Amino acid sequence: MNRSLPSDDALRSLHAQSLQSLSPATLARLRHARHGAHAAHRGRWRWWLASACSLVMALGIGVQFTGPGTHTGPAPAPTVAAVEDNSALYDENPDMYLWLGDTDLAME
């Protein structure tokens, strides 16, 4: 499928012929559409600028809320409660063990 493409001059002449066959109303609509697309593209940078300014302002406010005074560094390690020796509580009253051994309450 080796088709040769038309040359640049042939394409230009074909374009000129097609422009002559279009009505003036169609040419006016095409010109108006081209101008509208160009105007819409021209104002697009304003939206980008407004978005960028909004982003910078939001970041500035966010940095204010999390300023240098609120950051305390890494979280402290959790402290482990010291294990107390509760054996003294059981040794204080030996009568309690005798009472538990005599009743059936300990088995319930």
N, C-alpha and C. Protein backbone atom coordinates (compact mmCIF):
# COMPACT_ATOMS: atom_id res chain seq x y z
N MET A 1 0.84 -1.17 0.00
CA MET A 1 0.00 0.00 0.00
C MET A 1 0.88 1.23 0.00
N ASN A 2 1.47 1.49 -1.07
CA ASN A 2 2.41 2.57 -1.20
C ASN A 2 1.76 3.71 -1.98
N ARG A 3 0.99 4.52 -1.28
CA ARG A 3 0.36 5.68 -1.92
C ARG A 3 1.18 6.90 -1.61
N SER A 4 1.42 7.68 -2.61
CA SER A 4 2.18 8.91 -2.37
C SER A 4 1.23 10.01 -1.93
N LEU A 5 1.70 10.80 -1.02
CA LEU A 5 0.90 11.91 -0.50
C LEU A 5 1.00 13.09 -1.47
N PRO A 6 -0.05 13.90 -1.56
CA PRO A 6 0.03 15.07 -2.45
C PRO A 6 1.04 16.07 -1.91
N SER A 7 1.62 16.82 -2.79
CA SER A 7 2.64 17.79 -2.39
C SER A 7 1.98 18.97 -1.68
N ASP A 8 2.81 19.79 -1.10
CA ASP A 8 2.33 20.95 -0.36
C ASP A 8 1.60 21.92 -1.28
N ASP A 9 2.12 22.11 -2.46
CA ASP A 9 1.48 23.03 -3.42
C ASP A 9 0.11 22.51 -3.83
N ALA A 10 -0.01 21.20 -4.02
CA ALA A 10 -1.30 20.63 -4.40
C ALA A 10 -2.32 20.81 -3.29
N LEU A 11 -1.89 20.64 -2.05
CA LEU A 11 -2.80 20.83 -0.93
C LEU A 11 -3.23 22.29 -0.79
N ARG A 12 -2.30 23.21 -1.03
CA ARG A 12 -2.64 24.64 -0.95
C ARG A 12 -3.67 25.01 -2.02
N SER A 13 -3.49 24.51 -3.21
CA SER A 13 -4.43 24.83 -4.28
C SER A 13 -5.80 24.20 -4.00
N LEU A 14 -5.81 22.99 -3.44
CA LEU A 14 -7.07 22.35 -3.08
C LEU A 14 -7.79 23.13 -1.99
N HIS A 15 -7.04 23.67 -1.04
CA HIS A 15 -7.62 24.48 0.03
C HIS A 15 -8.21 25.76 -0.54
N ALA A 16 -7.50 26.41 -1.45
CA ALA A 16 -8.00 27.64 -2.07
C ALA A 16 -9.28 27.38 -2.85
N GLN A 17 -9.34 26.28 -3.54
CA GLN A 17 -10.56 25.93 -4.29
C GLN A 17 -11.74 25.70 -3.35
N SER A 18 -11.47 25.04 -2.23
CA SER A 18 -12.56 24.76 -1.29
C SER A 18 -13.06 26.04 -0.63
N LEU A 19 -12.16 26.98 -0.37
CA LEU A 19 -12.59 28.25 0.20
C LEU A 19 -13.47 29.03 -0.77
N GLN A 20 -13.21 28.92 -2.05
CA GLN A 20 -14.02 29.62 -3.04
C GLN A 20 -15.41 29.01 -3.16
N SER A 21 -15.54 27.73 -2.84
CA SER A 21 -16.84 27.08 -2.97
C SER A 21 -17.72 27.29 -1.74
N LEU A 22 -17.16 27.80 -0.63
CA LEU A 22 -17.96 28.03 0.58
C LEU A 22 -18.72 29.34 0.46
N SER A 23 -19.88 29.38 1.09
CA SER A 23 -20.69 30.60 1.07
C SER A 23 -20.11 31.61 2.06
N PRO A 24 -20.37 32.89 1.88
CA PRO A 24 -19.87 33.91 2.81
C PRO A 24 -20.41 33.71 4.24
N ALA A 25 -21.63 33.20 4.38
CA ALA A 25 -22.19 32.99 5.72
C ALA A 25 -21.40 31.89 6.46
N THR A 26 -21.05 30.84 5.73
CA THR A 26 -20.27 29.76 6.34
C THR A 26 -18.89 30.25 6.73
N LEU A 27 -18.27 31.03 5.86
CA LEU A 27 -16.95 31.60 6.19
C LEU A 27 -17.02 32.51 7.41
N ALA A 28 -18.11 33.27 7.54
CA ALA A 28 -18.27 34.14 8.70
C ALA A 28 -18.43 33.32 9.98
N ARG A 29 -19.20 32.24 9.91
CA ARG A 29 -19.36 31.38 11.09
C ARG A 29 -18.04 30.73 11.48
N LEU A 30 -17.26 30.27 10.49
CA LEU A 30 -15.96 29.68 10.80
C LEU A 30 -15.01 30.70 11.41
N ARG A 31 -15.03 31.91 10.88
CA ARG A 31 -14.16 32.98 11.41
C ARG A 31 -14.57 33.31 12.85
N HIS A 32 -15.87 33.37 13.09
CA HIS A 32 -16.37 33.67 14.44
C HIS A 32 -16.00 32.55 15.42
N ALA A 33 -16.13 31.32 14.99
CA ALA A 33 -15.78 30.19 15.86
C ALA A 33 -14.28 30.17 16.16
N ARG A 34 -13.46 30.48 15.16
CA ARG A 34 -12.01 30.52 15.37
C ARG A 34 -11.64 31.64 16.33
N HIS A 35 -12.29 32.80 16.19
CA HIS A 35 -12.00 33.92 17.08
C HIS A 35 -12.45 33.60 18.51
N GLY A 36 -13.60 32.93 18.68
CA GLY A 36 -14.08 32.57 20.01
C GLY A 36 -13.18 31.57 20.70
N ALA A 37 -12.66 30.61 19.94
CA ALA A 37 -11.75 29.62 20.51
C ALA A 37 -10.45 30.28 20.94
N HIS A 38 -9.99 31.25 20.14
CA HIS A 38 -8.75 31.95 20.48
C HIS A 38 -8.94 32.81 21.73
N ALA A 39 -10.09 33.47 21.85
CA ALA A 39 -10.37 34.31 23.02
C ALA A 39 -10.49 33.46 24.28
N ALA A 40 -11.09 32.28 24.16
CA ALA A 40 -11.22 31.40 25.33
C ALA A 40 -9.86 30.90 25.78
N HIS A 41 -8.99 30.62 24.83
CA HIS A 41 -7.65 30.15 25.17
C HIS A 41 -6.82 31.26 25.79
N ARG A 42 -7.06 32.49 25.35
CA ARG A 42 -6.30 33.63 25.84
C ARG A 42 -6.56 33.88 27.33
N GLY A 43 -7.78 33.68 27.81
CA GLY A 43 -8.10 33.97 29.20
C GLY A 43 -7.85 32.82 30.15
N ARG A 44 -7.34 31.71 29.65
CA ARG A 44 -7.14 30.53 30.49
C ARG A 44 -6.05 30.75 31.54
N TRP A 45 -5.06 31.57 31.25
CA TRP A 45 -3.97 31.77 32.21
C TRP A 45 -4.48 32.44 33.48
N ARG A 46 -5.57 33.21 33.37
CA ARG A 46 -6.11 33.86 34.56
C ARG A 46 -6.64 32.83 35.57
N TRP A 47 -7.25 31.78 35.06
CA TRP A 47 -7.74 30.73 35.95
C TRP A 47 -6.59 30.00 36.62
N TRP A 48 -5.54 29.75 35.86
CA TRP A 48 -4.36 29.10 36.45
C TRP A 48 -3.74 29.98 37.53
N LEU A 49 -3.66 31.27 37.28
CA LEU A 49 -3.09 32.19 38.26
C LEU A 49 -3.96 32.25 39.51
N ALA A 50 -5.28 32.31 39.34
CA ALA A 50 -6.17 32.34 40.50
C ALA A 50 -6.07 31.05 41.31
N SER A 51 -5.96 29.93 40.63
CA SER A 51 -5.84 28.65 41.34
C SER A 51 -4.52 28.57 42.10
N ALA A 52 -3.45 29.03 41.47
CA ALA A 52 -2.14 29.00 42.13
C ALA A 52 -2.13 29.91 43.35
N CYS A 53 -2.73 31.10 43.24
CA CYS A 53 -2.78 32.01 44.39
C CYS A 53 -3.60 31.41 45.53
N SER A 54 -4.70 30.76 45.19
CA SER A 54 -5.52 30.13 46.22
C SER A 54 -4.74 29.03 46.93
N LEU A 55 -3.97 28.27 46.17
CA LEU A 55 -3.18 27.20 46.76
C LEU A 55 -2.12 27.76 47.70
N VAL A 56 -1.46 28.83 47.29
CA VAL A 56 -0.43 29.43 48.14
C VAL A 56 -1.05 29.98 49.42
N MET A 57 -2.21 30.61 49.31
CA MET A 57 -2.88 31.13 50.51
C MET A 57 -3.29 30.00 51.46
N ALA A 58 -3.83 28.91 50.91
CA ALA A 58 -4.24 27.79 51.74
C ALA A 58 -3.03 27.16 52.44
N LEU A 59 -1.93 27.03 51.73
CA LEU A 59 -0.72 26.49 52.36
C LEU A 59 -0.21 27.42 53.46
N GLY A 60 -0.28 28.72 53.22
CA GLY A 60 0.16 29.68 54.24
C GLY A 60 -0.67 29.59 55.50
N ILE A 61 -1.98 29.46 55.33
CA ILE A 61 -2.86 29.33 56.50
C ILE A 61 -2.60 28.01 57.21
N GLY A 62 -2.39 26.96 56.45
CA GLY A 62 -2.10 25.66 57.06
C GLY A 62 -0.81 25.66 57.85
N VAL A 63 0.19 26.36 57.34
CA VAL A 63 1.47 26.44 58.05
C VAL A 63 1.31 27.25 59.32
N GLN A 64 0.44 28.26 59.30
CA GLN A 64 0.20 29.04 60.51
C GLN A 64 -0.40 28.18 61.62
N PHE A 65 -1.34 27.30 61.25
CA PHE A 65 -1.97 26.46 62.26
C PHE A 65 -1.01 25.40 62.80
N THR A 66 -0.09 24.97 62.00
CA THR A 66 0.89 23.98 62.46
C THR A 66 2.26 24.63 62.51
N GLY A 67 2.34 25.74 63.17
CA GLY A 67 3.57 26.51 63.25
C GLY A 67 4.65 25.78 64.03
N PRO A 68 5.81 26.42 64.18
CA PRO A 68 6.93 25.75 64.84
C PRO A 68 6.71 25.49 66.32
N GLY A 69 5.80 26.20 66.98
CA GLY A 69 5.58 26.00 68.41
C GLY A 69 4.77 24.75 68.72
N THR A 70 4.03 24.25 67.76
CA THR A 70 3.17 23.11 68.06
C THR A 70 3.86 21.77 67.83
N HIS A 71 4.95 21.76 67.12
CA HIS A 71 5.64 20.49 66.84
C HIS A 71 6.58 20.18 67.99
N THR A 72 6.38 19.06 68.64
CA THR A 72 7.18 18.72 69.82
C THR A 72 8.20 17.63 69.54
N GLY A 73 8.30 17.18 68.33
CA GLY A 73 9.25 16.13 68.01
C GLY A 73 8.59 14.76 68.07
N PRO A 74 9.40 13.73 68.17
CA PRO A 74 8.82 12.39 68.17
C PRO A 74 8.02 12.14 69.45
N ALA A 75 7.05 11.29 69.34
CA ALA A 75 6.21 10.97 70.49
C ALA A 75 7.03 10.25 71.55
N PRO A 76 6.79 10.57 72.81
CA PRO A 76 7.55 9.89 73.87
C PRO A 76 7.17 8.42 73.95
N ALA A 77 8.11 7.65 74.37
CA ALA A 77 7.87 6.21 74.52
C ALA A 77 6.88 5.97 75.65
N PRO A 78 5.98 5.03 75.49
CA PRO A 78 5.02 4.78 76.57
C PRO A 78 5.74 4.22 77.79
N THR A 79 5.31 4.68 78.94
CA THR A 79 5.94 4.22 80.18
C THR A 79 5.24 2.95 80.65
N VAL A 80 6.01 2.02 81.05
CA VAL A 80 5.47 0.74 81.54
C VAL A 80 5.32 0.87 83.05
N ALA A 81 4.13 0.57 83.51
CA ALA A 81 3.88 0.66 84.95
C ALA A 81 4.74 -0.37 85.68
N ALA A 82 5.30 0.07 86.76
CA ALA A 82 6.15 -0.82 87.53
C ALA A 82 5.28 -1.89 88.20
N VAL A 83 5.75 -3.11 88.14
CA VAL A 83 5.01 -4.22 88.76
C VAL A 83 5.28 -4.18 90.25
N GLU A 84 4.18 -4.04 90.98
CA GLU A 84 4.33 -3.96 92.44
C GLU A 84 4.28 -5.37 93.02
N ASP A 85 4.97 -5.51 94.09
CA ASP A 85 4.98 -6.80 94.77
C ASP A 85 3.79 -6.83 95.72
N ASN A 86 2.76 -7.59 95.32
CA ASN A 86 1.54 -7.67 96.13
C ASN A 86 1.54 -8.87 97.07
N SER A 87 2.66 -9.49 97.25
CA SER A 87 2.69 -10.66 98.14
C SER A 87 2.48 -10.26 99.60
N ALA A 88 2.78 -9.01 99.93
CA ALA A 88 2.58 -8.57 101.32
C ALA A 88 1.10 -8.53 101.67
N LEU A 89 0.25 -8.26 100.70
CA LEU A 89 -1.19 -8.23 100.98
C LEU A 89 -1.71 -9.60 101.38
N TYR A 90 -1.21 -10.64 100.73
CA TYR A 90 -1.70 -11.98 101.03
C TYR A 90 -1.13 -12.51 102.36
N ASP A 91 0.03 -12.05 102.72
CA ASP A 91 0.65 -12.53 103.95
C ASP A 91 0.12 -11.83 105.19
N GLU A 92 -0.59 -10.74 105.04
CA GLU A 92 -1.02 -9.97 106.19
C GLU A 92 -2.12 -10.68 106.99
N ASN A 93 -3.00 -11.38 106.35
CA ASN A 93 -4.12 -11.97 107.07
C ASN A 93 -4.22 -13.46 106.71
N PRO A 94 -3.54 -14.31 107.46
CA PRO A 94 -3.62 -15.75 107.17
C PRO A 94 -4.97 -16.35 107.54
N ASP A 95 -5.76 -15.68 108.36
CA ASP A 95 -7.08 -16.19 108.70
C ASP A 95 -8.01 -16.22 107.49
N MET A 96 -7.78 -15.33 106.54
CA MET A 96 -8.62 -15.31 105.35
C MET A 96 -8.46 -16.61 104.57
N TYR A 97 -7.25 -17.12 104.48
CA TYR A 97 -7.03 -18.37 103.76
C TYR A 97 -7.68 -19.54 104.49
N LEU A 98 -7.63 -19.49 105.78
CA LEU A 98 -8.30 -20.53 106.55
C LEU A 98 -9.81 -20.49 106.34
N TRP A 99 -10.35 -19.30 106.30
CA TRP A 99 -11.78 -19.14 106.09
C TRP A 99 -12.17 -19.60 104.69
N LEU A 100 -11.38 -19.26 103.69
CA LEU A 100 -11.67 -19.69 102.32
C LEU A 100 -11.60 -21.20 102.20
N GLY A 101 -10.66 -21.80 102.91
CA GLY A 101 -10.53 -23.24 102.84
C GLY A 101 -11.69 -23.97 103.50
N ASP A 102 -12.29 -23.37 104.52
CA ASP A 102 -13.39 -24.01 105.24
C ASP A 102 -14.73 -23.87 104.53
N THR A 103 -14.89 -22.86 103.72
CA THR A 103 -16.21 -22.64 103.09
C THR A 103 -16.19 -23.16 101.65
N ASP A 104 -17.38 -23.34 101.13
CA ASP A 104 -17.51 -23.79 99.74
C ASP A 104 -17.59 -22.60 98.77
N LEU A 105 -17.45 -21.39 99.26
CA LEU A 105 -17.50 -20.21 98.41
C LEU A 105 -16.34 -20.17 97.41
N ALA A 106 -15.22 -20.68 97.78
CA ALA A 106 -14.06 -20.64 96.91
C ALA A 106 -14.27 -21.52 95.70
N MET A 107 -15.11 -22.55 95.81
CA MET A 107 -15.32 -23.48 94.70
C MET A 107 -16.39 -23.01 93.73
N GLU A 108 -17.20 -22.02 94.10
CA GLU A 108 -18.28 -21.57 93.23
C GLU A 108 -17.83 -20.70 92.13
